[in-house]
Amino acid sequence: MIDGGMAAAIREPVVLQRTLTIYGDVGRLTKPLGIDDRPTIALLVVDGEGGVCWSGAGAFDEGTSREIDEALRSV
């Protein structure tokens, strides 16, 4: 019911594909990933084995774009 409501409210397939719903202790995910400020958007580039190759948070800018591009090339 919750996932269906979220999907209906978001209505944007690209956004919906990158939305993670957690049922339980959110800290079990955020703490190991170093996400301290949950209201701020966090972005992670993850390799095929689940290793974090790059992480960042906050507003998007050209510098962030270049860093993400470099991280994606290295994966």
C-alpha atoms as a PDB file:
ATOM      1  CA  MET A   1       0.000   0.000   0.000  1.00  0.00           C
ATOM      2  CA  ILE A   2       2.802   2.442   0.892  1.00  0.00           C
ATOM      3  CA  ASP A   3       4.838   1.660  -2.235  1.00  0.00           C
ATOM      4  CA  GLY A   4       1.741   2.021  -4.404  1.00  0.00           C
ATOM      5  CA  GLY A   5       0.966   5.389  -2.838  1.00  0.00           C
ATOM      6  CA  MET A   6       4.538   6.571  -3.385  1.00  0.00           C
ATOM      7  CA  ALA A   7       4.496   5.443  -7.013  1.00  0.00           C
ATOM      8  CA  ALA A   8       1.198   7.223  -7.603  1.00  0.00           C
ATOM      9  CA  ALA A   9       2.479  10.419  -5.971  1.00  0.00           C
ATOM     10  CA  ILE A  10       5.882  10.466  -7.700  1.00  0.00           C
ATOM     11  CA  ARG A  11       4.584   9.628 -11.212  1.00  0.00           C
ATOM     12  CA  GLU A  12       8.037  10.181 -12.681  1.00  0.00           C
ATOM     13  CA  PRO A  13       9.567   6.808 -13.718  1.00  0.00           C
ATOM     14  CA  VAL A  14      13.181   8.022 -13.524  1.00  0.00           C
ATOM     15  CA  VAL A  15      12.698   9.422 -10.012  1.00  0.00           C
ATOM     16  CA  LEU A  16      10.772   6.337  -8.927  1.00  0.00           C
ATOM     17  CA  GLN A  17      13.594   4.042 -10.120  1.00  0.00           C
ATOM     18  CA  ARG A  18      16.098   5.814  -7.903  1.00  0.00           C
ATOM     19  CA  THR A  19      13.873   6.010  -4.830  1.00  0.00           C
ATOM     20  CA  LEU A  20      14.654   3.593  -2.021  1.00  0.00           C
ATOM     21  CA  THR A  21      11.955   2.758   0.500  1.00  0.00           C
ATOM     22  CA  ILE A  22      13.223   1.388   3.795  1.00  0.00           C
ATOM     23  CA  TYR A  23      10.970  -0.396   6.249  1.00  0.00           C
ATOM     24  CA  GLY A  24      12.803  -0.380   9.552  1.00  0.00           C
ATOM     25  CA  ASP A  25      15.833   1.322  11.042  1.00  0.00           C
ATOM     26  CA  VAL A  26      17.059   3.794   8.409  1.00  0.00           C
ATOM     27  CA  GLY A  27      20.261   4.265  10.430  1.00  0.00           C
ATOM     28  CA  ARG A  28      21.325   0.709   9.563  1.00  0.00           C
ATOM     29  CA  LEU A  29      21.779   1.951   6.005  1.00  0.00           C
ATOM     30  CA  THR A  30      22.756   5.585   6.476  1.00  0.00           C
ATOM     31  CA  LYS A  31      25.355   5.206   9.231  1.00  0.00           C
ATOM     32  CA  PRO A  32      27.657   2.729   7.406  1.00  0.00           C
ATOM     33  CA  LEU A  33      27.438   4.902   4.285  1.00  0.00           C
ATOM     34  CA  GLY A  34      28.395   8.030   6.212  1.00  0.00           C
ATOM     35  CA  ILE A  35      25.089   9.772   5.545  1.00  0.00           C
ATOM     36  CA  ASP A  36      24.697  12.059   8.549  1.00  0.00           C
ATOM     37  CA  ASP A  37      22.145  14.533   7.206  1.00  0.00           C
ATOM     38  CA  ARG A  38      19.173  12.522   5.951  1.00  0.00           C
ATOM     39  CA  PRO A  39      17.098  15.502   4.712  1.00  0.00           C
ATOM     40  CA  THR A  40      19.938  16.357   2.295  1.00  0.00           C
ATOM     41  CA  ILE A  41      20.183  14.367  -0.927  1.00  0.00           C
ATOM     42  CA  ALA A  42      23.070  11.885  -0.906  1.00  0.00           C
ATOM     43  CA  LEU A  43      24.544  10.373  -4.047  1.00  0.00           C
ATOM     44  CA  LEU A  44      26.754   7.304  -4.203  1.00  0.00           C
ATOM     45  CA  VAL A  45      28.562   5.686  -7.118  1.00  0.00           C
ATOM     46  CA  VAL A  46      28.730   1.979  -6.343  1.00  0.00           C
ATOM     47  CA  ASP A  47      30.692  -0.703  -8.185  1.00  0.00           C
ATOM     48  CA  GLY A  48      29.339  -4.112  -9.145  1.00  0.00           C
ATOM     49  CA  GLU A  49      30.430  -5.612  -5.839  1.00  0.00           C
ATOM     50  CA  GLY A  50      28.690  -2.963  -3.733  1.00  0.00           C
ATOM     51  CA  GLY A  51      31.782  -0.907  -2.924  1.00  0.00           C
ATOM     52  CA  VAL A  52      31.305   2.846  -2.735  1.00  0.00           C
ATOM     53  CA  CYS A  53      33.587   4.498  -5.304  1.00  0.00           C
ATOM     54  CA  TRP A  54      32.375   8.043  -4.746  1.00  0.00           C
ATOM     55  CA  SER A  55      29.914   9.802  -2.468  1.00  0.00           C
ATOM     56  CA  GLY A  56      28.638  13.315  -2.081  1.00  0.00           C
ATOM     57  CA  ALA A  57      25.712  15.278  -0.707  1.00  0.00           C
ATOM     58  CA  GLY A  58      24.001  18.580  -1.226  1.00  0.00           C
ATOM     59  CA  ALA A  59      23.460  20.825  -4.216  1.00  0.00           C
ATOM     60  CA  PHE A  60      24.557  19.763  -7.670  1.00  0.00           C
ATOM     61  CA  ASP A  61      27.142  21.820  -9.549  1.00  0.00           C
ATOM     62  CA  GLU A  62      29.664  21.435 -12.370  1.00  0.00           C
ATOM     63  CA  GLY A  63      32.423  20.253 -10.018  1.00  0.00           C
ATOM     64  CA  THR A  64      30.182  17.512  -8.681  1.00  0.00           C
ATOM     65  CA  SER A  65      29.284  16.536 -12.234  1.00  0.00           C
ATOM     66  CA  ARG A  66      32.963  16.140 -13.159  1.00  0.00           C
ATOM     67  CA  GLU A  67      33.665  14.080 -10.027  1.00  0.00           C
ATOM     68  CA  ILE A  68      30.742  11.756 -10.773  1.00  0.00           C
ATOM     69  CA  ASP A  69      31.848  11.354 -14.402  1.00  0.00           C
ATOM     70  CA  GLU A  70      35.354  10.403 -13.257  1.00  0.00           C
ATOM     71  CA  ALA A  71      34.007   7.939 -10.700  1.00  0.00           C
ATOM     72  CA  LEU A  72      31.723   6.322 -13.279  1.00  0.00           C
ATOM     73  CA  ARG A  73      34.607   5.942 -15.730  1.00  0.00           C
ATOM     74  CA  SER A  74      36.653   4.148 -13.091  1.00  0.00           C
ATOM     75  CA  VAL A  75      33.919   1.632 -12.263  1.00  0.00           C
END
